[in-house]
Amino acid sequence: MNNGRVTKQEDVGSVGSSGSVGFSGSVGPAGSLLLDEQLCFALYAAQRAVTAAYRPLLEELGLTYPQYLVLLVLWERGETTVKELATALHLDYGTVSPLLKRLESAGLVRRERSAHDERSVLVALTGRGELLRERAEEVPQALLTATGVSEAEVTRLREELWRLAERAEGAAARRR
């Protein structure tokens, strides 16, 4: 299935021995506006596909993908502020707040004003939220199995994506 994308082997991206993503063939002229040659579109398509692969695994836990991300931060860090949670997820307060409201309604988290700073809202897992972690620990391996991707491939790709994110954030900061 090529979904309208280039299928010749020489035009397919590959991971080099250094772990960096490269291309072994022609990718079009500099400044090309072909959709399939856009980094942003490849990232978008991959993100949608990976999120779709997570969906059935998370449905078993009664979670959406964004709710799962919130819980991952709380399982890792424990009690935190809404602001710190939003920063960790690269989201704004207005996006995180409704997620927390739904998680609170499900009995997985609790929110309360900080005793030290009335402007700050603390978020913590409930006992039920802590217990859900045990079931969620199966999700990463189940995703690998569902997608047929190895741990080594995921590790290389994740490292490459974090490097890309860092470079893109640096470029954006320089343009401000």
N, C-alpha and C. Protein backbone atom coordinates (compact mmCIF):
# COMPACT_ATOMS: atom_id res chain seq x y z
N MET A 1 0.85 -1.17 0.00
CA MET A 1 0.00 0.00 0.00
C MET A 1 0.90 1.23 0.00
N ASN A 2 0.75 2.09 -1.01
CA ASN A 2 1.64 3.23 -1.07
C ASN A 2 0.95 4.54 -0.73
N ASN A 3 -0.36 4.56 -0.59
CA ASN A 3 -1.09 5.77 -0.21
C ASN A 3 -0.69 6.97 -1.06
N GLY A 4 -0.35 6.73 -2.34
CA GLY A 4 0.01 7.83 -3.21
C GLY A 4 1.43 8.32 -3.06
N ARG A 5 2.22 7.66 -2.25
CA ARG A 5 3.60 8.10 -2.02
C ARG A 5 4.57 7.36 -2.94
N VAL A 6 5.74 7.92 -3.09
CA VAL A 6 6.80 7.32 -3.89
C VAL A 6 7.11 5.93 -3.35
N THR A 7 7.22 4.95 -4.25
CA THR A 7 7.46 3.59 -3.78
C THR A 7 8.77 3.01 -4.29
N LYS A 8 9.49 3.72 -5.16
CA LYS A 8 10.77 3.20 -5.62
C LYS A 8 11.74 3.15 -4.44
N GLN A 9 12.49 2.06 -4.32
CA GLN A 9 13.39 1.88 -3.18
C GLN A 9 14.37 3.03 -3.04
N GLU A 10 14.88 3.55 -4.17
CA GLU A 10 15.88 4.60 -4.05
C GLU A 10 15.30 5.91 -3.54
N ASP A 11 13.99 6.04 -3.51
CA ASP A 11 13.36 7.26 -3.03
C ASP A 11 12.82 7.14 -1.61
N VAL A 12 13.06 6.02 -0.97
CA VAL A 12 12.54 5.79 0.37
C VAL A 12 13.60 6.17 1.40
N GLY A 13 13.18 6.86 2.45
CA GLY A 13 14.12 7.24 3.52
C GLY A 13 14.67 6.02 4.21
N SER A 14 15.89 6.13 4.70
CA SER A 14 16.50 5.01 5.40
C SER A 14 17.23 5.53 6.62
N VAL A 15 17.49 4.64 7.55
CA VAL A 15 18.25 5.00 8.74
C VAL A 15 19.68 4.53 8.51
N GLY A 16 20.62 5.48 8.57
CA GLY A 16 22.02 5.16 8.34
C GLY A 16 22.64 4.45 9.52
N SER A 17 23.89 4.00 9.34
CA SER A 17 24.58 3.27 10.41
C SER A 17 24.79 4.13 11.64
N SER A 18 24.81 5.45 11.47
CA SER A 18 24.97 6.34 12.63
C SER A 18 23.65 6.54 13.35
N GLY A 19 22.57 6.00 12.76
CA GLY A 19 21.25 6.19 13.36
C GLY A 19 20.55 7.42 12.83
N SER A 20 21.20 8.17 11.92
CA SER A 20 20.55 9.36 11.39
C SER A 20 19.70 8.99 10.19
N VAL A 21 18.62 9.71 10.02
CA VAL A 21 17.74 9.45 8.91
C VAL A 21 18.31 10.12 7.68
N GLY A 22 18.38 9.38 6.60
CA GLY A 22 18.90 9.94 5.36
C GLY A 22 18.10 9.43 4.19
N PHE A 23 18.43 9.90 3.01
CA PHE A 23 17.75 9.47 1.82
C PHE A 23 18.78 8.98 0.83
N SER A 24 18.50 7.85 0.22
CA SER A 24 19.47 7.25 -0.68
C SER A 24 19.22 7.65 -2.13
N GLY A 25 18.15 8.38 -2.40
CA GLY A 25 17.86 8.75 -3.78
C GLY A 25 17.42 10.19 -3.88
N SER A 26 16.90 10.51 -5.02
CA SER A 26 16.46 11.87 -5.29
C SER A 26 15.24 12.21 -4.45
N VAL A 27 15.25 13.38 -3.85
CA VAL A 27 14.09 13.82 -3.08
C VAL A 27 13.50 15.08 -3.70
N GLY A 28 13.89 15.39 -4.91
CA GLY A 28 13.34 16.55 -5.59
C GLY A 28 14.23 17.76 -5.39
N PRO A 29 13.94 18.80 -6.13
CA PRO A 29 14.76 20.01 -6.06
C PRO A 29 14.59 20.73 -4.73
N ALA A 30 15.62 21.47 -4.36
CA ALA A 30 15.52 22.30 -3.15
C ALA A 30 14.33 23.22 -3.32
N GLY A 31 13.58 23.39 -2.27
CA GLY A 31 12.39 24.23 -2.35
C GLY A 31 11.19 23.52 -2.93
N SER A 32 11.28 22.21 -3.08
CA SER A 32 10.18 21.44 -3.64
C SER A 32 8.93 21.60 -2.80
N LEU A 33 7.80 21.69 -3.47
CA LEU A 33 6.53 21.79 -2.77
C LEU A 33 5.69 20.52 -2.95
N LEU A 34 6.34 19.42 -3.26
CA LEU A 34 5.62 18.15 -3.34
C LEU A 34 5.27 17.71 -1.93
N LEU A 35 4.02 17.36 -1.72
CA LEU A 35 3.52 17.02 -0.39
C LEU A 35 4.34 15.94 0.29
N ASP A 36 4.61 14.86 -0.43
CA ASP A 36 5.32 13.73 0.17
C ASP A 36 6.78 14.02 0.47
N GLU A 37 7.28 15.16 0.04
CA GLU A 37 8.67 15.53 0.33
C GLU A 37 8.76 16.52 1.48
N GLN A 38 7.64 16.81 2.10
CA GLN A 38 7.63 17.76 3.21
C GLN A 38 7.84 17.03 4.53
N LEU A 39 8.81 17.47 5.29
CA LEU A 39 9.06 16.89 6.61
C LEU A 39 7.81 17.01 7.49
N CYS A 40 7.18 18.17 7.44
CA CYS A 40 6.00 18.38 8.29
C CYS A 40 4.90 17.37 7.99
N PHE A 41 4.72 17.01 6.71
CA PHE A 41 3.66 16.07 6.37
C PHE A 41 4.02 14.65 6.79
N ALA A 42 5.29 14.28 6.64
CA ALA A 42 5.72 12.95 7.08
C ALA A 42 5.53 12.81 8.59
N LEU A 43 5.89 13.86 9.34
CA LEU A 43 5.69 13.84 10.79
C LEU A 43 4.20 13.78 11.14
N TYR A 44 3.40 14.54 10.43
CA TYR A 44 1.95 14.57 10.66
C TYR A 44 1.34 13.19 10.40
N ALA A 45 1.70 12.58 9.27
CA ALA A 45 1.15 11.27 8.92
C ALA A 45 1.59 10.21 9.93
N ALA A 46 2.85 10.26 10.33
CA ALA A 46 3.35 9.30 11.32
C ALA A 46 2.65 9.49 12.66
N GLN A 47 2.48 10.74 13.08
CA GLN A 47 1.81 11.03 14.35
C GLN A 47 0.39 10.49 14.34
N ARG A 48 -0.33 10.71 13.25
CA ARG A 48 -1.71 10.20 13.16
C ARG A 48 -1.75 8.68 13.20
N ALA A 49 -0.83 8.04 12.50
CA ALA A 49 -0.79 6.58 12.46
C ALA A 49 -0.44 6.00 13.83
N VAL A 50 0.53 6.59 14.50
CA VAL A 50 0.94 6.10 15.82
C VAL A 50 -0.19 6.31 16.83
N THR A 51 -0.82 7.48 16.78
CA THR A 51 -1.94 7.74 17.69
C THR A 51 -3.07 6.74 17.44
N ALA A 52 -3.33 6.42 16.18
CA ALA A 52 -4.37 5.44 15.86
C ALA A 52 -3.99 4.05 16.38
N ALA A 53 -2.70 3.72 16.36
CA ALA A 53 -2.25 2.43 16.89
C ALA A 53 -2.42 2.37 18.42
N TYR A 54 -2.27 3.50 19.08
CA TYR A 54 -2.47 3.56 20.53
C TYR A 54 -3.95 3.43 20.90
N ARG A 55 -4.84 3.93 20.05
CA ARG A 55 -6.26 4.05 20.40
C ARG A 55 -6.87 2.77 20.99
N PRO A 56 -6.78 1.61 20.34
CA PRO A 56 -7.41 0.42 20.93
C PRO A 56 -6.77 -0.01 22.25
N LEU A 57 -5.48 0.23 22.38
CA LEU A 57 -4.79 -0.13 23.63
C LEU A 57 -5.27 0.75 24.78
N LEU A 58 -5.48 2.02 24.49
CA LEU A 58 -5.91 2.95 25.53
C LEU A 58 -7.40 2.84 25.82
N GLU A 59 -8.18 2.45 24.82
CA GLU A 59 -9.61 2.25 25.05
C GLU A 59 -9.83 1.18 26.12
N GLU A 60 -8.96 0.17 26.15
CA GLU A 60 -9.06 -0.87 27.18
C GLU A 60 -8.86 -0.29 28.58
N LEU A 61 -8.16 0.84 28.66
CA LEU A 61 -7.92 1.50 29.95
C LEU A 61 -8.94 2.60 30.21
N GLY A 62 -9.81 2.86 29.23
CA GLY A 62 -10.80 3.93 29.38
C GLY A 62 -10.19 5.31 29.19
N LEU A 63 -9.10 5.39 28.42
CA LEU A 63 -8.38 6.65 28.24
C LEU A 63 -8.32 7.06 26.78
N THR A 64 -8.21 8.36 26.58
CA THR A 64 -7.84 8.89 25.27
C THR A 64 -6.33 9.07 25.26
N TYR A 65 -5.78 9.30 24.09
CA TYR A 65 -4.33 9.51 23.98
C TYR A 65 -3.87 10.72 24.79
N PRO A 66 -4.53 11.89 24.69
CA PRO A 66 -4.08 13.02 25.51
C PRO A 66 -4.19 12.75 27.02
N GLN A 67 -5.22 12.04 27.44
CA GLN A 67 -5.35 11.69 28.86
C GLN A 67 -4.20 10.78 29.30
N TYR A 68 -3.83 9.86 28.44
CA TYR A 68 -2.70 8.96 28.71
C TYR A 68 -1.42 9.76 28.91
N LEU A 69 -1.20 10.76 28.07
CA LEU A 69 0.00 11.59 28.21
C LEU A 69 0.02 12.32 29.55
N VAL A 70 -1.13 12.85 29.97
CA VAL A 70 -1.22 13.52 31.27
C VAL A 70 -0.85 12.54 32.38
N LEU A 71 -1.41 11.34 32.32
CA LEU A 71 -1.13 10.34 33.36
C LEU A 71 0.34 9.92 33.34
N LEU A 72 0.94 9.83 32.16
CA LEU A 72 2.37 9.49 32.10
C LEU A 72 3.20 10.49 32.89
N VAL A 73 2.89 11.78 32.74
CA VAL A 73 3.63 12.81 33.49
C VAL A 73 3.41 12.62 34.98
N LEU A 74 2.17 12.39 35.39
CA LEU A 74 1.88 12.24 36.82
C LEU A 74 2.48 10.96 37.39
N TRP A 75 2.49 9.88 36.64
CA TRP A 75 3.12 8.64 37.11
C TRP A 75 4.63 8.84 37.27
N GLU A 76 5.21 9.66 36.41
CA GLU A 76 6.65 9.90 36.47
C GLU A 76 7.03 10.89 37.57
N ARG A 77 6.26 11.97 37.71
CA ARG A 77 6.66 13.07 38.59
C ARG A 77 5.90 13.14 39.91
N GLY A 78 4.74 12.52 39.97
CA GLY A 78 3.90 12.69 41.15
C GLY A 78 3.17 14.01 41.09
N GLU A 79 2.74 14.50 42.24
CA GLU A 79 1.98 15.75 42.29
C GLU A 79 2.74 16.88 41.61
N THR A 80 2.03 17.65 40.81
CA THR A 80 2.64 18.75 40.08
C THR A 80 1.60 19.84 39.86
N THR A 81 2.03 20.98 39.40
CA THR A 81 1.09 22.06 39.11
C THR A 81 0.56 21.90 37.69
N VAL A 82 -0.58 22.53 37.44
CA VAL A 82 -1.13 22.51 36.08
C VAL A 82 -0.13 23.15 35.12
N LYS A 83 0.50 24.23 35.55
CA LYS A 83 1.48 24.91 34.70
C LYS A 83 2.64 23.99 34.34
N GLU A 84 3.18 23.27 35.32
CA GLU A 84 4.29 22.35 35.06
C GLU A 84 3.85 21.20 34.15
N LEU A 85 2.63 20.74 34.34
CA LEU A 85 2.08 19.68 33.51
C LEU A 85 1.96 20.16 32.06
N ALA A 86 1.41 21.35 31.88
CA ALA A 86 1.26 21.92 30.53
C ALA A 86 2.63 22.08 29.87
N THR A 87 3.60 22.55 30.62
CA THR A 87 4.95 22.73 30.08
C THR A 87 5.55 21.39 29.66
N ALA A 88 5.40 20.38 30.49
CA ALA A 88 5.95 19.05 30.18
C ALA A 88 5.33 18.48 28.91
N LEU A 89 4.06 18.77 28.67
CA LEU A 89 3.35 18.23 27.51
C LEU A 89 3.41 19.15 26.29
N HIS A 90 4.06 20.30 26.43
CA HIS A 90 4.12 21.29 25.35
C HIS A 90 2.71 21.72 24.93
N LEU A 91 1.85 21.93 25.91
CA LEU A 91 0.47 22.37 25.69
C LEU A 91 0.21 23.63 26.48
N ASP A 92 -0.87 24.33 26.13
CA ASP A 92 -1.23 25.50 26.92
C ASP A 92 -2.24 25.12 27.99
N TYR A 93 -2.39 26.01 28.95
CA TYR A 93 -3.28 25.78 30.09
C TYR A 93 -4.70 25.46 29.63
N GLY A 94 -5.16 26.18 28.62
CA GLY A 94 -6.52 25.99 28.12
C GLY A 94 -6.78 24.62 27.52
N THR A 95 -5.74 23.96 27.08
CA THR A 95 -5.87 22.60 26.54
C THR A 95 -5.80 21.57 27.66
N VAL A 96 -4.94 21.80 28.63
CA VAL A 96 -4.74 20.85 29.73
C VAL A 96 -5.93 20.84 30.69
N SER A 97 -6.50 22.00 30.94
CA SER A 97 -7.58 22.10 31.92
C SER A 97 -8.77 21.18 31.63
N PRO A 98 -9.31 21.12 30.40
CA PRO A 98 -10.41 20.18 30.13
C PRO A 98 -10.00 18.71 30.26
N LEU A 99 -8.75 18.40 29.92
CA LEU A 99 -8.26 17.03 30.09
C LEU A 99 -8.29 16.64 31.56
N LEU A 100 -7.84 17.56 32.40
CA LEU A 100 -7.82 17.30 33.85
C LEU A 100 -9.23 17.17 34.39
N LYS A 101 -10.14 17.98 33.88
CA LYS A 101 -11.53 17.91 34.34
C LYS A 101 -12.12 16.52 34.05
N ARG A 102 -11.85 15.99 32.85
CA ARG A 102 -12.36 14.65 32.51
C ARG A 102 -11.69 13.56 33.34
N LEU A 103 -10.38 13.69 33.56
CA LEU A 103 -9.67 12.72 34.39
C LEU A 103 -10.16 12.78 35.84
N GLU A 104 -10.47 13.97 36.31
CA GLU A 104 -11.00 14.13 37.66
C GLU A 104 -12.40 13.50 37.76
N SER A 105 -13.23 13.72 36.74
CA SER A 105 -14.57 13.11 36.72
C SER A 105 -14.50 11.59 36.71
N ALA A 106 -13.45 11.05 36.09
CA ALA A 106 -13.25 9.60 36.04
C ALA A 106 -12.63 9.06 37.32
N GLY A 107 -12.30 9.95 38.25
CA GLY A 107 -11.73 9.53 39.53
C GLY A 107 -10.26 9.16 39.48
N LEU A 108 -9.55 9.64 38.45
CA LEU A 108 -8.14 9.27 38.29
C LEU A 108 -7.18 10.32 38.85
N VAL A 109 -7.61 11.58 38.90
CA VAL A 109 -6.78 12.65 39.46
C VAL A 109 -7.64 13.55 40.34
N ARG A 110 -6.95 14.34 41.16
CA ARG A 110 -7.64 15.37 41.94
C ARG A 110 -6.88 16.67 41.76
N ARG A 111 -7.62 17.76 41.76
CA ARG A 111 -7.02 19.09 41.65
C ARG A 111 -7.38 19.88 42.89
N GLU A 112 -6.42 20.68 43.34
CA GLU A 112 -6.70 21.57 44.47
C GLU A 112 -5.76 22.77 44.41
N ARG A 113 -6.22 23.87 44.93
CA ARG A 113 -5.40 25.08 44.99
C ARG A 113 -4.22 24.85 45.93
N SER A 114 -3.09 25.40 45.57
CA SER A 114 -1.90 25.32 46.41
C SER A 114 -2.11 26.14 47.68
N ALA A 115 -1.72 25.59 48.81
CA ALA A 115 -1.81 26.32 50.07
C ALA A 115 -0.81 27.47 50.10
N HIS A 116 0.27 27.35 49.33
CA HIS A 116 1.33 28.36 49.32
C HIS A 116 1.08 29.47 48.30
N ASP A 117 0.34 29.15 47.23
CA ASP A 117 0.10 30.13 46.17
C ASP A 117 -1.30 29.89 45.61
N GLU A 118 -2.24 30.73 45.97
CA GLU A 118 -3.64 30.58 45.56
C GLU A 118 -3.81 30.55 44.04
N ARG A 119 -2.87 31.12 43.31
CA ARG A 119 -2.97 31.15 41.84
C ARG A 119 -2.62 29.80 41.24
N SER A 120 -1.92 28.96 41.97
CA SER A 120 -1.42 27.70 41.47
C SER A 120 -2.36 26.55 41.82
N VAL A 121 -2.62 25.69 40.83
CA VAL A 121 -3.47 24.51 41.04
C VAL A 121 -2.58 23.27 40.98
N LEU A 122 -2.67 22.46 42.02
CA LEU A 122 -1.91 21.21 42.09
C LEU A 122 -2.74 20.06 41.53
N VAL A 123 -2.08 19.14 40.87
CA VAL A 123 -2.74 17.95 40.32
C VAL A 123 -2.02 16.74 40.88
N ALA A 124 -2.79 15.77 41.36
CA ALA A 124 -2.21 14.54 41.89
C ALA A 124 -3.07 13.35 41.48
N LEU A 125 -2.46 12.20 41.42
CA LEU A 125 -3.18 10.97 41.14
C LEU A 125 -4.01 10.56 42.34
N THR A 126 -5.14 9.95 42.10
CA THR A 126 -5.91 9.31 43.16
C THR A 126 -5.42 7.87 43.27
N GLY A 127 -5.93 7.14 44.23
CA GLY A 127 -5.59 5.72 44.34
C GLY A 127 -5.94 4.98 43.06
N ARG A 128 -7.08 5.32 42.49
CA ARG A 128 -7.51 4.68 41.24
C ARG A 128 -6.54 5.01 40.10
N GLY A 129 -6.07 6.25 40.06
CA GLY A 129 -5.09 6.65 39.05
C GLY A 129 -3.78 5.91 39.20
N GLU A 130 -3.36 5.71 40.45
CA GLU A 130 -2.14 4.95 40.72
C GLU A 130 -2.30 3.49 40.28
N LEU A 131 -3.46 2.90 40.57
CA LEU A 131 -3.70 1.50 40.19
C LEU A 131 -3.73 1.30 38.68
N LEU A 132 -4.20 2.30 37.96
CA LEU A 132 -4.27 2.19 36.50
C LEU A 132 -2.87 2.06 35.89
N ARG A 133 -1.89 2.56 36.59
CA ARG A 133 -0.51 2.47 36.10
C ARG A 133 -0.10 1.02 35.82
N GLU A 134 -0.50 0.11 36.69
CA GLU A 134 -0.14 -1.30 36.51
C GLU A 134 -0.62 -1.82 35.16
N ARG A 135 -1.86 -1.50 34.81
CA ARG A 135 -2.39 -1.94 33.52
C ARG A 135 -1.73 -1.19 32.36
N ALA A 136 -1.42 0.08 32.58
CA ALA A 136 -0.82 0.90 31.52
C ALA A 136 0.61 0.47 31.20
N GLU A 137 1.26 -0.21 32.13
CA GLU A 137 2.64 -0.65 31.89
C GLU A 137 2.74 -1.63 30.73
N GLU A 138 1.62 -2.21 30.32
CA GLU A 138 1.61 -3.14 29.19
C GLU A 138 1.53 -2.42 27.85
N VAL A 139 1.15 -1.15 27.86
CA VAL A 139 0.91 -0.42 26.62
C VAL A 139 2.15 -0.30 25.73
N PRO A 140 3.31 0.11 26.24
CA PRO A 140 4.46 0.25 25.33
C PRO A 140 4.81 -1.03 24.57
N GLN A 141 4.84 -2.17 25.25
CA GLN A 141 5.15 -3.42 24.57
C GLN A 141 4.04 -3.81 23.60
N ALA A 142 2.80 -3.59 23.99
CA ALA A 142 1.67 -3.90 23.11
C ALA A 142 1.73 -3.06 21.84
N LEU A 143 2.18 -1.82 21.95
CA LEU A 143 2.31 -0.96 20.77
C LEU A 143 3.39 -1.51 19.84
N LEU A 144 4.53 -1.92 20.40
CA LEU A 144 5.59 -2.50 19.58
C LEU A 144 5.07 -3.73 18.84
N THR A 145 4.36 -4.57 19.54
CA THR A 145 3.81 -5.79 18.94
C THR A 145 2.82 -5.43 17.83
N ALA A 146 1.94 -4.48 18.09
CA ALA A 146 0.92 -4.10 17.12
C ALA A 146 1.52 -3.49 15.86
N THR A 147 2.60 -2.74 16.01
CA THR A 147 3.20 -2.05 14.86
C THR A 147 4.32 -2.83 14.20
N GLY A 148 4.85 -3.84 14.89
CA GLY A 148 5.95 -4.61 14.33
C GLY A 148 7.28 -3.86 14.35
N VAL A 149 7.37 -2.87 15.21
CA VAL A 149 8.60 -2.07 15.34
C VAL A 149 9.38 -2.58 16.54
N SER A 150 10.70 -2.67 16.39
CA SER A 150 11.53 -3.16 17.50
C SER A 150 11.84 -2.04 18.49
N GLU A 151 12.25 -2.44 19.69
CA GLU A 151 12.66 -1.46 20.70
C GLU A 151 13.83 -0.62 20.19
N ALA A 152 14.76 -1.26 19.52
CA ALA A 152 15.94 -0.54 19.00
C ALA A 152 15.51 0.50 17.97
N GLU A 153 14.58 0.15 17.10
CA GLU A 153 14.09 1.11 16.10
C GLU A 153 13.40 2.29 16.78
N VAL A 154 12.59 2.00 17.78
CA VAL A 154 11.89 3.07 18.50
C VAL A 154 12.90 3.98 19.20
N THR A 155 13.89 3.39 19.82
CA THR A 155 14.91 4.19 20.52
C THR A 155 15.63 5.12 19.55
N ARG A 156 16.07 4.59 18.41
CA ARG A 156 16.77 5.43 17.42
C ARG A 156 15.87 6.54 16.90
N LEU A 157 14.64 6.18 16.56
CA LEU A 157 13.71 7.16 16.02
C LEU A 157 13.40 8.24 17.06
N ARG A 158 13.14 7.83 18.28
CA ARG A 158 12.82 8.79 19.34
C ARG A 158 13.98 9.77 19.55
N GLU A 159 15.21 9.25 19.60
CA GLU A 159 16.38 10.12 19.77
C GLU A 159 16.51 11.11 18.62
N GLU A 160 16.29 10.63 17.40
CA GLU A 160 16.36 11.48 16.21
C GLU A 160 15.26 12.56 16.27
N LEU A 161 14.07 12.18 16.68
CA LEU A 161 12.97 13.15 16.77
C LEU A 161 13.22 14.20 17.84
N TRP A 162 13.80 13.81 18.97
CA TRP A 162 14.12 14.80 20.01
C TRP A 162 15.19 15.76 19.51
N ARG A 163 16.17 15.25 18.75
CA ARG A 163 17.18 16.15 18.18
C ARG A 163 16.54 17.13 17.20
N LEU A 164 15.64 16.62 16.37
CA LEU A 164 14.93 17.47 15.42
C LEU A 164 14.11 18.53 16.16
N ALA A 165 13.40 18.13 17.20
CA ALA A 165 12.59 19.09 17.97
C ALA A 165 13.47 20.18 18.57
N GLU A 166 14.61 19.78 19.10
CA GLU A 166 15.53 20.76 19.69
C GLU A 166 16.04 21.75 18.64
N ARG A 167 16.40 21.25 17.48
CA ARG A 167 16.88 22.13 16.41
C ARG A 167 15.77 23.05 15.92
N ALA A 168 14.58 22.51 15.76
CA ALA A 168 13.46 23.33 15.28
C ALA A 168 13.10 24.41 16.29
N GLU A 169 13.12 24.06 17.58
CA GLU A 169 12.85 25.06 18.62
C GLU A 169 13.92 26.14 18.61
N GLY A 170 15.17 25.75 18.40
CA GLY A 170 16.26 26.72 18.32
C GLY A 170 16.09 27.65 17.14
N ALA A 171 15.69 27.09 16.00
CA ALA A 171 15.47 27.91 14.81
C ALA A 171 14.32 28.88 15.03
N ALA A 172 13.26 28.42 15.67
CA ALA A 172 12.11 29.29 15.95
C ALA A 172 12.50 30.41 16.90
N ALA A 173 13.31 30.09 17.90
CA ALA A 173 13.75 31.10 18.87
C ALA A 173 14.61 32.16 18.19
N ARG A 174 15.45 31.74 17.24
CA ARG A 174 16.32 32.71 16.54
C ARG A 174 15.51 33.65 15.66
N ARG A 175 14.35 33.22 15.19
CA ARG A 175 13.52 34.06 14.31
C ARG A 175 12.67 35.05 15.08
N ARG A 176 12.56 34.89 16.39
CA ARG A 176 11.72 35.80 17.18
C ARG A 176 12.39 37.11 17.39
